[in-house]
Amino acid sequence: MTTTQNTEMILLLGNVDHEGILSTIKTSRFLYQKKLLESKRENWGSIVELVKSPKTSAIIVKLTAAVYNLLHDASYDWVANELLAALSKKRVMVFAYESLMDPSIDQEQPEDDDIDDEFRYYGAMHRPRPLPETREAVNERLQRHGLQAISYSSNAELT
């Protein structure tokens, strides 16, 4: 019995390459490629090309707080529009943490005394939570492009 690899590709945008997702992709014999949106504009340009590729048959996207901030960053505006427009023309599943989708759900902000230096550097510096106006603007932008994000409360829900 011969098995053949599918020539179509599933694009994973963000850290969605959990065991359950990869197992399903491999079982279906699809190729896959992972790209990170928490990156420079130039990388977003290459992501847009991958999304537009006829070989890309489906896309799974994980939006984080940092990606929300980039989607609202004026210097990313053109490429963000290109990306969202390209995504809207493909089979896509978009996931976003529940507090990004629903402003009534807000993560607890620890008091300054409760934040250790490592969290202060890695957490606050690299993954700042978006301001309410950023969150609202990005959610509206997703809707304008016909992209409906699915909210999740833990990474286990993504598998």
C-alpha atoms as a PDB file:
ATOM      1  CA  MET A   1       0.000   0.000   0.000  1.00  0.00           C
ATOM      2  CA  THR A   2       1.383   3.375  -0.961  1.00  0.00           C
ATOM      3  CA  THR A   3       0.662   6.560   0.905  1.00  0.00           C
ATOM      4  CA  THR A   4       0.952   9.954  -0.679  1.00  0.00           C
ATOM      5  CA  GLN A   5       1.567  13.306   0.892  1.00  0.00           C
ATOM      6  CA  ASN A   6      -1.043  15.945   0.194  1.00  0.00           C
ATOM      7  CA  THR A   7       0.404  18.920  -1.713  1.00  0.00           C
ATOM      8  CA  GLU A   8      -1.927  21.363  -0.013  1.00  0.00           C
ATOM      9  CA  MET A   9      -0.665  23.163   3.070  1.00  0.00           C
ATOM     10  CA  ILE A  10      -2.198  24.253   6.351  1.00  0.00           C
ATOM     11  CA  LEU A  11      -0.706  27.471   7.660  1.00  0.00           C
ATOM     12  CA  LEU A  12      -0.397  27.897  11.424  1.00  0.00           C
ATOM     13  CA  LEU A  13      -0.129  31.531  12.522  1.00  0.00           C
ATOM     14  CA  GLY A  14       1.021  31.844  16.108  1.00  0.00           C
ATOM     15  CA  ASN A  15       1.658  29.196  18.720  1.00  0.00           C
ATOM     16  CA  VAL A  16      -1.128  26.846  17.688  1.00  0.00           C
ATOM     17  CA  ASP A  17       1.103  23.884  16.921  1.00  0.00           C
ATOM     18  CA  HIS A  18      -0.126  21.874  19.891  1.00  0.00           C
ATOM     19  CA  GLU A  19       0.018  18.082  19.811  1.00  0.00           C
ATOM     20  CA  GLY A  20      -3.678  17.600  19.034  1.00  0.00           C
ATOM     21  CA  ILE A  21      -3.627  19.991  16.083  1.00  0.00           C
ATOM     22  CA  LEU A  22      -0.380  18.606  14.650  1.00  0.00           C
ATOM     23  CA  SER A  23      -1.591  15.034  15.051  1.00  0.00           C
ATOM     24  CA  THR A  24      -4.743  15.818  13.066  1.00  0.00           C
ATOM     25  CA  ILE A  25      -2.762  17.582  10.336  1.00  0.00           C
ATOM     26  CA  LYS A  26      -0.245  14.740  10.046  1.00  0.00           C
ATOM     27  CA  THR A  27      -2.967  12.086  10.002  1.00  0.00           C
ATOM     28  CA  SER A  28      -4.652  13.880   7.110  1.00  0.00           C
ATOM     29  CA  ARG A  29      -1.265  13.969   5.349  1.00  0.00           C
ATOM     30  CA  PHE A  30      -1.329  17.722   4.873  1.00  0.00           C
ATOM     31  CA  LEU A  31       1.861  19.699   4.859  1.00  0.00           C
ATOM     32  CA  TYR A  32       1.981  22.521   7.380  1.00  0.00           C
ATOM     33  CA  GLN A  33       4.030  25.601   8.053  1.00  0.00           C
ATOM     34  CA  LYS A  34       4.160  27.720  11.178  1.00  0.00           C
ATOM     35  CA  LYS A  35       4.747  31.468  11.186  1.00  0.00           C
ATOM     36  CA  LEU A  36       4.650  33.886  14.100  1.00  0.00           C
ATOM     37  CA  LEU A  37       2.688  37.123  14.004  1.00  0.00           C
ATOM     38  CA  GLU A  38       4.655  38.487  16.945  1.00  0.00           C
ATOM     39  CA  SER A  39       7.262  39.657  14.463  1.00  0.00           C
ATOM     40  CA  LYS A  40       8.420  42.484  12.228  1.00  0.00           C
ATOM     41  CA  ARG A  41       6.403  43.946   9.374  1.00  0.00           C
ATOM     42  CA  GLU A  42       8.686  42.276   6.842  1.00  0.00           C
ATOM     43  CA  ASN A  43       7.715  38.875   8.207  1.00  0.00           C
ATOM     44  CA  TRP A  44       4.048  39.820   7.950  1.00  0.00           C
ATOM     45  CA  GLY A  45       4.656  40.489   4.253  1.00  0.00           C
ATOM     46  CA  SER A  46       5.953  36.944   3.800  1.00  0.00           C
ATOM     47  CA  ILE A  47       2.962  35.638   5.779  1.00  0.00           C
ATOM     48  CA  VAL A  48       0.591  37.481   3.414  1.00  0.00           C
ATOM     49  CA  GLU A  49       2.252  35.722   0.469  1.00  0.00           C
ATOM     50  CA  LEU A  50       1.825  32.329   2.162  1.00  0.00           C
ATOM     51  CA  VAL A  51      -1.838  33.067   2.902  1.00  0.00           C
ATOM     52  CA  LYS A  52      -2.419  34.056  -0.743  1.00  0.00           C
ATOM     53  CA  SER A  53      -0.622  30.972  -2.079  1.00  0.00           C
ATOM     54  CA  PRO A  54      -2.903  28.528  -3.913  1.00  0.00           C
ATOM     55  CA  LYS A  55      -1.169  25.717  -1.993  1.00  0.00           C
ATOM     56  CA  THR A  56      -2.480  27.107   1.319  1.00  0.00           C
ATOM     57  CA  SER A  57      -5.838  25.433   1.789  1.00  0.00           C
ATOM     58  CA  ALA A  58      -6.573  26.361   5.414  1.00  0.00           C
ATOM     59  CA  ILE A  59      -5.203  28.588   8.145  1.00  0.00           C
ATOM     60  CA  ILE A  60      -5.354  28.420  11.934  1.00  0.00           C
ATOM     61  CA  VAL A  61      -4.592  31.720  13.688  1.00  0.00           C
ATOM     62  CA  LYS A  62      -3.951  32.468  17.351  1.00  0.00           C
ATOM     63  CA  LEU A  63      -4.229  36.136  18.259  1.00  0.00           C
ATOM     64  CA  THR A  64      -2.410  37.198  21.398  1.00  0.00           C
ATOM     65  CA  ALA A  65      -2.304  40.496  23.267  1.00  0.00           C
ATOM     66  CA  ALA A  66       0.950  41.348  21.476  1.00  0.00           C
ATOM     67  CA  VAL A  67      -0.630  40.626  18.068  1.00  0.00           C
ATOM     68  CA  TYR A  68      -3.600  42.835  18.980  1.00  0.00           C
ATOM     69  CA  ASN A  69      -1.150  45.638  19.703  1.00  0.00           C
ATOM     70  CA  LEU A  70       0.568  45.080  16.339  1.00  0.00           C
ATOM     71  CA  LEU A  71      -2.767  45.000  14.487  1.00  0.00           C
ATOM     72  CA  HIS A  72      -3.454  48.437  15.973  1.00  0.00           C
ATOM     73  CA  ASP A  73       0.063  49.811  15.381  1.00  0.00           C
ATOM     74  CA  ALA A  74       0.035  52.512  12.670  1.00  0.00           C
ATOM     75  CA  SER A  75       3.318  51.235  11.208  1.00  0.00           C
ATOM     76  CA  TYR A  76       1.659  47.826  10.570  1.00  0.00           C
ATOM     77  CA  ASP A  77      -1.556  49.298   9.144  1.00  0.00           C
ATOM     78  CA  TRP A  78      -0.998  48.535   5.454  1.00  0.00           C
ATOM     79  CA  VAL A  79       0.336  45.000   5.953  1.00  0.00           C
ATOM     80  CA  ALA A  80      -2.310  44.255   8.599  1.00  0.00           C
ATOM     81  CA  ASN A  81      -5.043  45.186   6.102  1.00  0.00           C
ATOM     82  CA  GLU A  82      -3.373  43.010   3.461  1.00  0.00           C
ATOM     83  CA  LEU A  83      -3.183  40.089   5.893  1.00  0.00           C
ATOM     84  CA  LEU A  84      -6.778  40.359   7.095  1.00  0.00           C
ATOM     85  CA  ALA A  85      -8.075  40.750   3.537  1.00  0.00           C
ATOM     86  CA  ALA A  86      -6.109  37.667   2.434  1.00  0.00           C
ATOM     87  CA  LEU A  87      -7.306  35.652   5.447  1.00  0.00           C
ATOM     88  CA  SER A  88     -10.916  36.553   4.688  1.00  0.00           C
ATOM     89  CA  LYS A  89     -10.643  34.765   1.329  1.00  0.00           C
ATOM     90  CA  LYS A  90      -9.471  31.440   2.805  1.00  0.00           C
ATOM     91  CA  ARG A  91     -10.796  28.737   5.110  1.00  0.00           C
ATOM     92  CA  VAL A  92      -9.627  30.092   8.426  1.00  0.00           C
ATOM     93  CA  MET A  93     -10.106  29.541  12.147  1.00  0.00           C
ATOM     94  CA  VAL A  94      -9.120  32.487  14.322  1.00  0.00           C
ATOM     95  CA  PHE A  95      -8.670  32.060  18.059  1.00  0.00           C
ATOM     96  CA  ALA A  96      -8.287  34.898  20.572  1.00  0.00           C
ATOM     97  CA  TYR A  97      -8.007  34.784  24.336  1.00  0.00           C
ATOM     98  CA  GLU A  98     -11.392  35.488  25.923  1.00  0.00           C
ATOM     99  CA  SER A  99     -10.346  38.784  27.544  1.00  0.00           C
ATOM    100  CA  LEU A 100      -9.393  40.109  24.102  1.00  0.00           C
ATOM    101  CA  MET A 101     -12.869  39.363  22.790  1.00  0.00           C
ATOM    102  CA  ASP A 102     -14.985  40.367  25.763  1.00  0.00           C
ATOM    103  CA  PRO A 103     -14.081  43.557  27.632  1.00  0.00           C
ATOM    104  CA  SER A 104     -16.072  42.436  30.663  1.00  0.00           C
ATOM    105  CA  ILE A 105     -13.556  39.634  31.170  1.00  0.00           C
ATOM    106  CA  ASP A 106     -10.354  41.197  32.333  1.00  0.00           C
ATOM    107  CA  GLN A 107      -7.261  39.470  33.560  1.00  0.00           C
ATOM    108  CA  GLU A 108      -6.229  40.311  37.055  1.00  0.00           C
ATOM    109  CA  GLN A 109      -3.456  42.859  37.081  1.00  0.00           C
ATOM    110  CA  PRO A 110      -1.078  42.035  39.913  1.00  0.00           C
ATOM    111  CA  GLU A 111      -0.085  44.852  42.192  1.00  0.00           C
ATOM    112  CA  ASP A 112       3.413  46.172  41.521  1.00  0.00           C
ATOM    113  CA  ASP A 113       4.721  44.544  44.711  1.00  0.00           C
ATOM    114  CA  ASP A 114       3.502  41.149  43.469  1.00  0.00           C
ATOM    115  CA  ILE A 115       5.369  41.305  40.161  1.00  0.00           C
ATOM    116  CA  ASP A 116       8.839  39.797  40.187  1.00  0.00           C
ATOM    117  CA  ASP A 117      11.601  41.282  38.016  1.00  0.00           C
ATOM    118  CA  GLU A 118      11.448  38.455  35.465  1.00  0.00           C
ATOM    119  CA  PHE A 119       7.719  38.946  34.875  1.00  0.00           C
ATOM    120  CA  ARG A 120       8.151  42.700  34.764  1.00  0.00           C
ATOM    121  CA  TYR A 121      10.740  42.299  31.991  1.00  0.00           C
ATOM    122  CA  TYR A 122       9.323  39.420  29.975  1.00  0.00           C
ATOM    123  CA  GLY A 123       5.638  39.873  30.688  1.00  0.00           C
ATOM    124  CA  ALA A 124       5.115  43.583  30.728  1.00  0.00           C
ATOM    125  CA  MET A 125       7.781  44.494  28.186  1.00  0.00           C
ATOM    126  CA  HIS A 126       7.027  41.864  25.560  1.00  0.00           C
ATOM    127  CA  ARG A 127       3.347  41.054  26.004  1.00  0.00           C
ATOM    128  CA  PRO A 128       1.617  44.179  27.227  1.00  0.00           C
ATOM    129  CA  ARG A 129      -2.127  43.839  27.475  1.00  0.00           C
ATOM    130  CA  PRO A 130      -3.861  45.998  24.875  1.00  0.00           C
ATOM    131  CA  LEU A 131      -5.658  49.128  25.966  1.00  0.00           C
ATOM    132  CA  PRO A 132      -9.456  48.924  25.801  1.00  0.00           C
ATOM    133  CA  GLU A 133      -9.516  51.179  22.714  1.00  0.00           C
ATOM    134  CA  THR A 134      -6.961  48.902  20.993  1.00  0.00           C
ATOM    135  CA  ARG A 135      -8.994  45.821  21.809  1.00  0.00           C
ATOM    136  CA  GLU A 136     -12.188  47.450  20.500  1.00  0.00           C
ATOM    137  CA  ALA A 137     -10.525  48.727  17.316  1.00  0.00           C
ATOM    138  CA  VAL A 138      -8.985  45.342  16.486  1.00  0.00           C
ATOM    139  CA  ASN A 139     -12.227  43.455  17.125  1.00  0.00           C
ATOM    140  CA  GLU A 140     -14.042  45.903  14.811  1.00  0.00           C
ATOM    141  CA  ARG A 141     -11.285  45.483  12.214  1.00  0.00           C
ATOM    142  CA  LEU A 142     -11.671  41.707  12.314  1.00  0.00           C
ATOM    143  CA  GLN A 143     -15.435  42.064  11.852  1.00  0.00           C
ATOM    144  CA  ARG A 144     -14.988  44.429   8.885  1.00  0.00           C
ATOM    145  CA  HIS A 145     -12.953  41.705   7.196  1.00  0.00           C
ATOM    146  CA  GLY A 146     -15.563  39.071   8.002  1.00  0.00           C
ATOM    147  CA  LEU A 147     -13.288  37.254  10.449  1.00  0.00           C
ATOM    148  CA  GLN A 148     -14.993  35.832  13.521  1.00  0.00           C
ATOM    149  CA  ALA A 149     -12.591  34.960  16.308  1.00  0.00           C
ATOM    150  CA  ILE A 150     -13.358  32.058  18.618  1.00  0.00           C
ATOM    151  CA  SER A 151     -12.595  32.882  22.229  1.00  0.00           C
ATOM    152  CA  TYR A 152     -10.709  30.498  24.489  1.00  0.00           C
ATOM    153  CA  SER A 153      -9.695  30.620  28.123  1.00  0.00           C
ATOM    154  CA  SER A 154      -6.821  28.107  28.151  1.00  0.00           C
ATOM    155  CA  ASN A 155      -4.387  26.684  25.590  1.00  0.00           C
ATOM    156  CA  ALA A 156      -5.855  23.219  26.190  1.00  0.00           C
ATOM    157  CA  GLU A 157      -9.026  24.416  24.462  1.00  0.00           C
ATOM    158  CA  LEU A 158      -7.063  24.945  21.230  1.00  0.00           C
ATOM    159  CA  THR A 159      -6.244  21.277  20.839  1.00  0.00           C
END
